[in-house]
Amino acid sequence: MGYETLIVEKVGAVVTVTLNRPQARNALDLVMRRELVGALDDIESDASARVVVLTGAGGHFCAGGDVKSMQPGSAAADGRERVVALNRLVMRLVEFPRPVIAMVDGFAVGAGCNLALCCDMIVASDRARFGEVFARIGLVPDGGGS
């Protein structure tokens, strides 16, 4: 399956899923949230896939939710859709039946930090920076961060 926001590569039994929105520091928009759930579904259906590595392109893991898509004055239903999509992704990762390893380089903040925390193991570079920064932009932690 082709993805707009992900690169999925399989070498042997290892599937590497790369968040691929480097221009936005791999911020989670609705498309990426849906594609990640779909990619995990595809990987689970492949009996030869034994482990998943989750990483980010462009020197950062994930800068959290895509704040640019959170427009002031948007309908409450839009916010609900973002939270529901994130919760679906979080639960899919937490309950995934195979090991998932987060390879973190650069920023893993907000929902990006929580995404890493959902994985079974985190391997962090010396450049990795983790943070729960929701309060800085007037939000309550979601995605398991609280």
N, C-alpha and C. Protein backbone atom coordinates (compact mmCIF):
# COMPACT_ATOMS: atom_id res chain seq x y z
N MET A 1 0.85 -1.19 0.00
CA MET A 1 0.00 0.00 0.00
C MET A 1 0.89 1.25 0.00
N GLY A 2 0.49 2.26 -0.77
CA GLY A 2 1.23 3.51 -0.80
C GLY A 2 0.76 4.45 0.29
N TYR A 3 1.68 5.21 0.82
CA TYR A 3 1.36 6.14 1.89
C TYR A 3 1.80 7.54 1.51
N GLU A 4 1.04 8.52 1.97
CA GLU A 4 1.34 9.92 1.71
C GLU A 4 2.32 10.48 2.74
N THR A 5 2.25 9.98 3.99
CA THR A 5 3.03 10.56 5.08
C THR A 5 4.00 9.59 5.74
N LEU A 6 4.10 8.38 5.21
CA LEU A 6 4.96 7.35 5.80
C LEU A 6 5.83 6.71 4.74
N ILE A 7 6.96 6.19 5.19
CA ILE A 7 7.77 5.29 4.37
C ILE A 7 7.79 3.97 5.14
N VAL A 8 7.36 2.91 4.49
CA VAL A 8 7.34 1.59 5.13
C VAL A 8 8.26 0.68 4.32
N GLU A 9 9.29 0.16 5.03
CA GLU A 9 10.28 -0.70 4.38
C GLU A 9 10.44 -1.97 5.20
N LYS A 10 10.50 -3.10 4.50
CA LYS A 10 10.69 -4.37 5.18
C LYS A 10 11.99 -5.00 4.71
N VAL A 11 12.85 -5.35 5.67
CA VAL A 11 14.09 -6.07 5.39
C VAL A 11 14.08 -7.29 6.29
N GLY A 12 13.94 -8.45 5.69
CA GLY A 12 13.82 -9.67 6.48
C GLY A 12 12.55 -9.61 7.31
N ALA A 13 12.69 -9.80 8.61
CA ALA A 13 11.54 -9.80 9.51
C ALA A 13 11.31 -8.44 10.17
N VAL A 14 12.11 -7.43 9.81
CA VAL A 14 12.03 -6.11 10.44
C VAL A 14 11.32 -5.13 9.49
N VAL A 15 10.27 -4.52 10.00
CA VAL A 15 9.56 -3.50 9.23
C VAL A 15 9.85 -2.14 9.86
N THR A 16 10.41 -1.24 9.07
CA THR A 16 10.69 0.11 9.54
C THR A 16 9.62 1.05 9.00
N VAL A 17 8.97 1.74 9.92
CA VAL A 17 7.95 2.73 9.57
C VAL A 17 8.54 4.10 9.89
N THR A 18 8.72 4.91 8.86
CA THR A 18 9.31 6.24 9.04
C THR A 18 8.24 7.29 8.85
N LEU A 19 8.07 8.13 9.88
CA LEU A 19 7.18 9.28 9.77
C LEU A 19 7.84 10.23 8.78
N ASN A 20 7.13 10.60 7.72
CA ASN A 20 7.78 11.31 6.62
C ASN A 20 7.10 12.63 6.29
N ARG A 21 7.14 13.53 7.26
CA ARG A 21 6.74 14.92 7.04
C ARG A 21 7.83 15.80 7.62
N PRO A 22 9.06 15.68 7.11
CA PRO A 22 10.18 16.40 7.72
C PRO A 22 10.00 17.92 7.72
N GLN A 23 9.28 18.46 6.75
CA GLN A 23 9.06 19.91 6.69
C GLN A 23 8.23 20.37 7.89
N ALA A 24 7.51 19.45 8.54
CA ALA A 24 6.69 19.78 9.72
C ALA A 24 7.23 19.05 10.95
N ARG A 25 8.50 18.66 10.89
CA ARG A 25 9.11 17.87 11.97
C ARG A 25 8.27 16.65 12.32
N ASN A 26 7.65 16.07 11.30
CA ASN A 26 6.85 14.86 11.41
C ASN A 26 5.66 15.01 12.35
N ALA A 27 5.08 16.21 12.38
CA ALA A 27 3.88 16.45 13.19
C ALA A 27 2.75 15.56 12.69
N LEU A 28 1.96 15.10 13.63
CA LEU A 28 0.87 14.17 13.34
C LEU A 28 -0.37 14.91 12.84
N ASP A 29 -0.61 14.88 11.54
CA ASP A 29 -1.87 15.39 11.02
C ASP A 29 -2.84 14.22 10.94
N LEU A 30 -4.07 14.49 10.53
CA LEU A 30 -5.07 13.41 10.47
C LEU A 30 -4.68 12.32 9.49
N VAL A 31 -4.07 12.69 8.37
CA VAL A 31 -3.66 11.70 7.38
C VAL A 31 -2.63 10.75 7.99
N MET A 32 -1.62 11.29 8.67
CA MET A 32 -0.59 10.44 9.26
C MET A 32 -1.17 9.53 10.33
N ARG A 33 -2.07 10.03 11.14
CA ARG A 33 -2.69 9.21 12.18
C ARG A 33 -3.39 8.01 11.57
N ARG A 34 -4.18 8.27 10.53
CA ARG A 34 -4.92 7.18 9.86
C ARG A 34 -3.95 6.21 9.17
N GLU A 35 -2.94 6.76 8.51
CA GLU A 35 -1.99 5.90 7.79
C GLU A 35 -1.20 5.02 8.75
N LEU A 36 -0.84 5.53 9.92
CA LEU A 36 -0.11 4.72 10.89
C LEU A 36 -0.95 3.53 11.36
N VAL A 37 -2.22 3.76 11.63
CA VAL A 37 -3.11 2.65 12.02
C VAL A 37 -3.21 1.65 10.87
N GLY A 38 -3.37 2.13 9.66
CA GLY A 38 -3.44 1.24 8.49
C GLY A 38 -2.16 0.46 8.28
N ALA A 39 -1.02 1.12 8.46
CA ALA A 39 0.27 0.43 8.30
C ALA A 39 0.42 -0.67 9.35
N LEU A 40 0.02 -0.38 10.58
CA LEU A 40 0.11 -1.41 11.62
C LEU A 40 -0.82 -2.59 11.31
N ASP A 41 -2.00 -2.29 10.76
CA ASP A 41 -2.90 -3.37 10.34
C ASP A 41 -2.23 -4.23 9.26
N ASP A 42 -1.61 -3.58 8.28
CA ASP A 42 -0.93 -4.31 7.20
C ASP A 42 0.23 -5.16 7.74
N ILE A 43 1.00 -4.59 8.65
CA ILE A 43 2.14 -5.31 9.22
C ILE A 43 1.66 -6.52 10.02
N GLU A 44 0.61 -6.33 10.79
CA GLU A 44 0.10 -7.45 11.60
C GLU A 44 -0.38 -8.61 10.71
N SER A 45 -0.91 -8.29 9.55
CA SER A 45 -1.39 -9.34 8.66
C SER A 45 -0.26 -10.08 7.93
N ASP A 46 0.97 -9.59 8.05
CA ASP A 46 2.14 -10.23 7.44
C ASP A 46 2.82 -11.12 8.48
N ALA A 47 2.62 -12.41 8.37
CA ALA A 47 3.15 -13.35 9.37
C ALA A 47 4.68 -13.34 9.43
N SER A 48 5.34 -12.90 8.37
CA SER A 48 6.81 -12.90 8.37
C SER A 48 7.40 -11.66 9.05
N ALA A 49 6.57 -10.68 9.34
CA ALA A 49 7.04 -9.47 10.04
C ALA A 49 7.10 -9.77 11.53
N ARG A 50 8.27 -9.62 12.13
CA ARG A 50 8.46 -10.00 13.53
C ARG A 50 8.64 -8.82 14.47
N VAL A 51 9.10 -7.68 13.94
CA VAL A 51 9.34 -6.50 14.78
C VAL A 51 9.13 -5.24 13.93
N VAL A 52 8.67 -4.18 14.60
CA VAL A 52 8.45 -2.90 13.94
C VAL A 52 9.39 -1.87 14.56
N VAL A 53 10.04 -1.09 13.71
CA VAL A 53 10.86 0.03 14.15
C VAL A 53 10.14 1.29 13.68
N LEU A 54 9.83 2.19 14.62
CA LEU A 54 9.15 3.44 14.31
C LEU A 54 10.16 4.57 14.46
N THR A 55 10.31 5.37 13.42
CA THR A 55 11.30 6.44 13.44
C THR A 55 10.77 7.64 12.64
N GLY A 56 11.54 8.71 12.60
CA GLY A 56 11.13 9.90 11.87
C GLY A 56 12.18 10.34 10.87
N ALA A 57 11.73 10.95 9.79
CA ALA A 57 12.63 11.45 8.74
C ALA A 57 13.09 12.86 9.09
N GLY A 58 14.24 13.24 8.55
CA GLY A 58 14.69 14.62 8.64
C GLY A 58 15.27 15.06 9.97
N GLY A 59 15.73 14.12 10.77
CA GLY A 59 16.41 14.49 12.01
C GLY A 59 15.53 14.71 13.22
N HIS A 60 14.23 14.41 13.10
CA HIS A 60 13.32 14.51 14.24
C HIS A 60 12.39 13.32 14.24
N PHE A 61 12.03 12.88 15.45
CA PHE A 61 11.06 11.78 15.57
C PHE A 61 9.67 12.31 15.27
N CYS A 62 9.14 13.17 16.15
CA CYS A 62 7.80 13.70 15.93
C CYS A 62 7.57 14.90 16.84
N ALA A 63 7.14 16.01 16.24
CA ALA A 63 6.91 17.24 16.99
C ALA A 63 5.50 17.32 17.56
N GLY A 64 4.81 16.19 17.65
CA GLY A 64 3.48 16.17 18.25
C GLY A 64 2.38 16.39 17.24
N GLY A 65 1.24 16.85 17.73
CA GLY A 65 0.11 17.13 16.85
C GLY A 65 0.42 18.30 15.93
N ASP A 66 -0.15 18.26 14.75
CA ASP A 66 0.07 19.33 13.77
C ASP A 66 -0.75 20.54 14.18
N VAL A 67 -0.12 21.47 14.90
CA VAL A 67 -0.80 22.64 15.44
C VAL A 67 -1.39 23.50 14.32
N LYS A 68 -0.76 23.50 13.16
CA LYS A 68 -1.28 24.31 12.04
C LYS A 68 -2.66 23.83 11.59
N SER A 69 -2.98 22.57 11.85
CA SER A 69 -4.30 22.06 11.48
C SER A 69 -5.34 22.35 12.56
N MET A 70 -4.91 22.88 13.70
CA MET A 70 -5.82 23.23 14.80
C MET A 70 -6.19 24.69 14.69
N GLN A 71 -7.05 25.01 13.76
CA GLN A 71 -7.41 26.40 13.47
C GLN A 71 -8.30 26.99 14.55
N PRO A 72 -8.01 28.23 14.97
CA PRO A 72 -8.90 28.91 15.92
C PRO A 72 -10.30 29.04 15.32
N GLY A 73 -11.29 28.81 16.13
CA GLY A 73 -12.66 28.95 15.65
C GLY A 73 -13.18 27.75 14.89
N SER A 74 -12.37 26.68 14.80
CA SER A 74 -12.86 25.49 14.09
C SER A 74 -13.90 24.79 14.96
N ALA A 75 -14.69 23.98 14.35
CA ALA A 75 -15.77 23.28 15.06
C ALA A 75 -15.21 22.30 16.07
N ALA A 76 -15.96 22.12 17.15
CA ALA A 76 -15.54 21.16 18.19
C ALA A 76 -15.40 19.76 17.61
N ALA A 77 -16.19 19.45 16.61
CA ALA A 77 -16.13 18.12 15.99
C ALA A 77 -14.77 17.88 15.35
N ASP A 78 -14.13 18.94 14.85
CA ASP A 78 -12.80 18.80 14.26
C ASP A 78 -11.79 18.37 15.31
N GLY A 79 -11.85 19.00 16.47
CA GLY A 79 -10.97 18.63 17.57
C GLY A 79 -11.23 17.22 18.04
N ARG A 80 -12.49 16.85 18.10
CA ARG A 80 -12.85 15.49 18.52
C ARG A 80 -12.28 14.47 17.54
N GLU A 81 -12.37 14.76 16.25
CA GLU A 81 -11.85 13.85 15.23
C GLU A 81 -10.35 13.64 15.41
N ARG A 82 -9.61 14.71 15.72
CA ARG A 82 -8.16 14.60 15.94
C ARG A 82 -7.86 13.72 17.15
N VAL A 83 -8.60 13.94 18.24
CA VAL A 83 -8.36 13.17 19.47
C VAL A 83 -8.75 11.71 19.27
N VAL A 84 -9.87 11.45 18.63
CA VAL A 84 -10.29 10.06 18.38
C VAL A 84 -9.26 9.34 17.52
N ALA A 85 -8.76 10.02 16.48
CA ALA A 85 -7.75 9.40 15.60
C ALA A 85 -6.46 9.12 16.37
N LEU A 86 -6.06 10.05 17.25
CA LEU A 86 -4.86 9.83 18.04
C LEU A 86 -5.06 8.68 19.02
N ASN A 87 -6.21 8.65 19.69
CA ASN A 87 -6.47 7.56 20.64
C ASN A 87 -6.50 6.20 19.95
N ARG A 88 -7.05 6.15 18.75
CA ARG A 88 -7.07 4.90 17.98
C ARG A 88 -5.63 4.44 17.70
N LEU A 89 -4.76 5.38 17.33
CA LEU A 89 -3.36 5.08 17.06
C LEU A 89 -2.65 4.62 18.33
N VAL A 90 -2.86 5.33 19.42
CA VAL A 90 -2.22 4.98 20.69
C VAL A 90 -2.61 3.56 21.11
N MET A 91 -3.89 3.26 21.07
CA MET A 91 -4.34 1.92 21.48
C MET A 91 -3.82 0.85 20.53
N ARG A 92 -3.73 1.17 19.26
CA ARG A 92 -3.21 0.20 18.28
C ARG A 92 -1.75 -0.13 18.59
N LEU A 93 -0.96 0.89 18.93
CA LEU A 93 0.44 0.67 19.27
C LEU A 93 0.58 -0.10 20.59
N VAL A 94 -0.16 0.32 21.60
CA VAL A 94 -0.06 -0.32 22.91
C VAL A 94 -0.44 -1.80 22.82
N GLU A 95 -1.44 -2.12 22.04
CA GLU A 95 -1.93 -3.50 21.94
C GLU A 95 -1.31 -4.28 20.79
N PHE A 96 -0.35 -3.70 20.09
CA PHE A 96 0.22 -4.38 18.92
C PHE A 96 0.87 -5.69 19.37
N PRO A 97 0.60 -6.79 18.67
CA PRO A 97 1.05 -8.10 19.14
C PRO A 97 2.53 -8.42 18.92
N ARG A 98 3.26 -7.53 18.28
CA ARG A 98 4.69 -7.75 18.07
C ARG A 98 5.45 -6.58 18.67
N PRO A 99 6.73 -6.77 18.95
CA PRO A 99 7.50 -5.67 19.54
C PRO A 99 7.59 -4.46 18.60
N VAL A 100 7.45 -3.28 19.19
CA VAL A 100 7.60 -2.03 18.45
C VAL A 100 8.69 -1.23 19.15
N ILE A 101 9.70 -0.84 18.39
CA ILE A 101 10.84 -0.09 18.92
C ILE A 101 10.80 1.31 18.33
N ALA A 102 10.81 2.32 19.20
CA ALA A 102 10.90 3.71 18.74
C ALA A 102 12.38 4.07 18.64
N MET A 103 12.82 4.50 17.48
CA MET A 103 14.18 5.01 17.29
C MET A 103 14.06 6.52 17.22
N VAL A 104 14.45 7.18 18.32
CA VAL A 104 14.21 8.61 18.46
C VAL A 104 15.50 9.40 18.26
N ASP A 105 15.42 10.34 17.33
CA ASP A 105 16.47 11.31 17.09
C ASP A 105 15.78 12.66 17.04
N GLY A 106 16.37 13.68 17.64
CA GLY A 106 15.75 15.00 17.62
C GLY A 106 14.54 15.06 18.54
N PHE A 107 13.56 15.87 18.14
CA PHE A 107 12.40 16.11 18.99
C PHE A 107 11.42 14.95 19.02
N ALA A 108 10.95 14.62 20.21
CA ALA A 108 9.80 13.75 20.45
C ALA A 108 9.02 14.49 21.53
N VAL A 109 8.15 15.37 21.10
CA VAL A 109 7.45 16.24 22.06
C VAL A 109 5.94 16.13 21.89
N GLY A 110 5.22 16.42 22.97
CA GLY A 110 3.77 16.35 22.93
C GLY A 110 3.31 14.96 22.54
N ALA A 111 2.41 14.91 21.58
CA ALA A 111 1.90 13.61 21.12
C ALA A 111 3.03 12.75 20.55
N GLY A 112 4.10 13.37 20.06
CA GLY A 112 5.25 12.61 19.57
C GLY A 112 5.97 11.88 20.69
N CYS A 113 6.07 12.52 21.85
CA CYS A 113 6.64 11.87 23.04
C CYS A 113 5.76 10.70 23.44
N ASN A 114 4.44 10.92 23.44
CA ASN A 114 3.51 9.86 23.82
C ASN A 114 3.54 8.71 22.83
N LEU A 115 3.74 9.02 21.56
CA LEU A 115 3.87 7.98 20.55
C LEU A 115 5.07 7.09 20.87
N ALA A 116 6.18 7.69 21.23
CA ALA A 116 7.36 6.91 21.60
C ALA A 116 7.08 6.08 22.86
N LEU A 117 6.38 6.67 23.83
CA LEU A 117 6.08 5.96 25.07
C LEU A 117 5.15 4.78 24.87
N CYS A 118 4.39 4.78 23.79
CA CYS A 118 3.50 3.65 23.47
C CYS A 118 4.28 2.43 23.00
N CYS A 119 5.50 2.63 22.56
CA CYS A 119 6.31 1.54 22.01
C CYS A 119 6.86 0.68 23.15
N ASP A 120 7.27 -0.52 22.81
CA ASP A 120 7.80 -1.45 23.81
C ASP A 120 9.19 -1.06 24.29
N MET A 121 9.93 -0.36 23.43
CA MET A 121 11.28 0.04 23.76
C MET A 121 11.59 1.33 23.01
N ILE A 122 12.40 2.18 23.64
CA ILE A 122 12.85 3.41 22.99
C ILE A 122 14.37 3.37 22.91
N VAL A 123 14.91 3.57 21.71
CA VAL A 123 16.34 3.74 21.52
C VAL A 123 16.51 5.20 21.12
N ALA A 124 17.20 5.97 21.96
CA ALA A 124 17.32 7.41 21.75
C ALA A 124 18.75 7.79 21.43
N SER A 125 18.91 8.66 20.44
CA SER A 125 20.24 9.20 20.12
C SER A 125 20.61 10.23 21.17
N ASP A 126 21.84 10.70 21.13
CA ASP A 126 22.26 11.73 22.08
C ASP A 126 21.62 13.09 21.73
N ARG A 127 20.99 13.19 20.57
CA ARG A 127 20.29 14.42 20.18
C ARG A 127 18.81 14.38 20.54
N ALA A 128 18.31 13.26 21.05
CA ALA A 128 16.88 13.11 21.35
C ALA A 128 16.46 14.05 22.47
N ARG A 129 15.31 14.67 22.29
CA ARG A 129 14.74 15.55 23.29
C ARG A 129 13.27 15.19 23.46
N PHE A 130 12.90 14.82 24.69
CA PHE A 130 11.53 14.42 24.99
C PHE A 130 10.85 15.52 25.80
N GLY A 131 9.59 15.73 25.57
CA GLY A 131 8.88 16.74 26.35
C GLY A 131 7.38 16.65 26.21
N GLU A 132 6.70 16.92 27.32
CA GLU A 132 5.24 17.04 27.35
C GLU A 132 4.94 18.53 27.39
N VAL A 133 4.71 19.12 26.24
CA VAL A 133 4.65 20.58 26.12
C VAL A 133 3.24 21.10 25.90
N PHE A 134 2.25 20.32 26.23
CA PHE A 134 0.86 20.69 25.97
C PHE A 134 0.49 22.02 26.61
N ALA A 135 0.87 22.21 27.88
CA ALA A 135 0.48 23.43 28.60
C ALA A 135 1.04 24.69 27.94
N ARG A 136 2.16 24.57 27.26
CA ARG A 136 2.75 25.75 26.61
C ARG A 136 1.87 26.31 25.50
N ILE A 137 1.00 25.45 24.95
CA ILE A 137 0.10 25.93 23.90
C ILE A 137 -1.37 25.83 24.32
N GLY A 138 -1.60 25.71 25.63
CA GLY A 138 -2.96 25.75 26.16
C GLY A 138 -3.76 24.48 25.97
N LEU A 139 -3.09 23.34 25.92
CA LEU A 139 -3.80 22.06 25.75
C LEU A 139 -3.59 21.17 26.97
N VAL A 140 -4.48 20.20 27.11
CA VAL A 140 -4.36 19.18 28.14
C VAL A 140 -3.69 17.97 27.50
N PRO A 141 -2.76 17.29 28.20
CA PRO A 141 -2.11 16.12 27.61
C PRO A 141 -3.12 15.07 27.13
N ASP A 142 -2.86 14.55 25.94
CA ASP A 142 -3.68 13.46 25.42
C ASP A 142 -2.77 12.34 24.97
N GLY A 143 -3.33 11.33 24.38
CA GLY A 143 -2.52 10.23 23.86
C GLY A 143 -1.76 9.48 24.92
N GLY A 144 -2.29 9.46 26.15
CA GLY A 144 -1.64 8.72 27.22
C GLY A 144 -0.61 9.51 27.99
N GLY A 145 -0.41 10.77 27.67
CA GLY A 145 0.63 11.57 28.28
C GLY A 145 0.41 11.97 29.71
N SER A 146 -0.85 11.96 30.14
CA SER A 146 -1.12 12.39 31.51
C SER A 146 -0.79 11.28 32.48
